[in-house]
């Protein structure tokens, strides 16, 4: 005889109700494990003494890797093949552009989404209801575009005013050049004074662009480097720190190549070149040192830490993605020199894919 349907429902409820407390406890445990707030999970594998030794090693390894990477393009002062304008330099720059692009898209942006989408932020504001990481990256890219255009326009107007002042300056001996020639003959009747030695506007514009690019790019790289350094320094888990040491060393080496290439093209004075390279090289080790200092009070799963890290990472990703695509890759790939030579195009494309591929591969460990 078949049981009535209401009897089956009653039997199901009678079986499930006693299990509700166990199910609630399991859900709570799963939520705690998801955001890393379980004390037992946090205690497992922690070894402060061993982690500290590994972090000290990391400081020196990352410092050496960043300095070596930034020094590679600077070697063009000694080796003509690496000087700006050569085919090899363009290939190195394409490789560096791929590295920076992969850094923004594969390393930083996913980390920002993870931080702002962490289970530890559930029920704490609108973080789970809107993709703030993508919005922050978009706004950072737009802000970079604005800074790029405003700064470039300002420097170009400054150079133009200086050039106009030089052109309008009257000669010491009217009608004659310094070498005794006739000014009107030398300038074909359309220039005065020192106009014949005024710099070419195209070359000046290119120099201004390279200087703005190098400074904005260093800003984005430094923000990212400081964050990853602090994250490494604050960790007390040797299993986390150990694979990050070689991964971040190569990471900084490749980023240093990209930044160094832009710095060299900007033609800064030697002191400025050294200062920018040193500032980049010490940023991540400084972040590691800061992380070591705050490791006793820093909680990487706290809402404040997650929101701060997520927004900064997203902003850095937006800056690097814009700089890689617009200021590093498009400038060279769209030039007449590259587009008129099929072999050079092929070499730059291969170099770009190699740089992006190697940096993406490092995402397995860092």
Foldseek 3Di string as FASTA:
>chain_A
DDDDPVVVVVVVCVVCVVCVVVVVVVVVVVLCVQLVNDPVSQPPQFDQVVLVVLLVVLLVLLLVLLLLLLCVLVCCVVPVCSAPPHLVVLLLLLLLLLLLLLCLPQPQLVLLQCLLCGSLCVPPPCSNPDSVLQVLLVVLLVVLVVLLVVQLVVVLVVLVVVLVVQFPDAAPDPQADPVGHGPCVVVVNPTHHPNVVRDDSVVVSQLSNLVSLLVLLLVLLLLVLLLVLLVSLLDRRCVQSVLVSVLSSNSSSSNSNNSSSSLSSNPDPPVVSVVSSSSSSNSSSVSNVVNNVCNVPDDCSHSVNSNVSSSSSSSSSSSSNSSSPPVRPCVVLVDPVCVVDPVSNVSSVVSNCVSNVVSSVSSVND
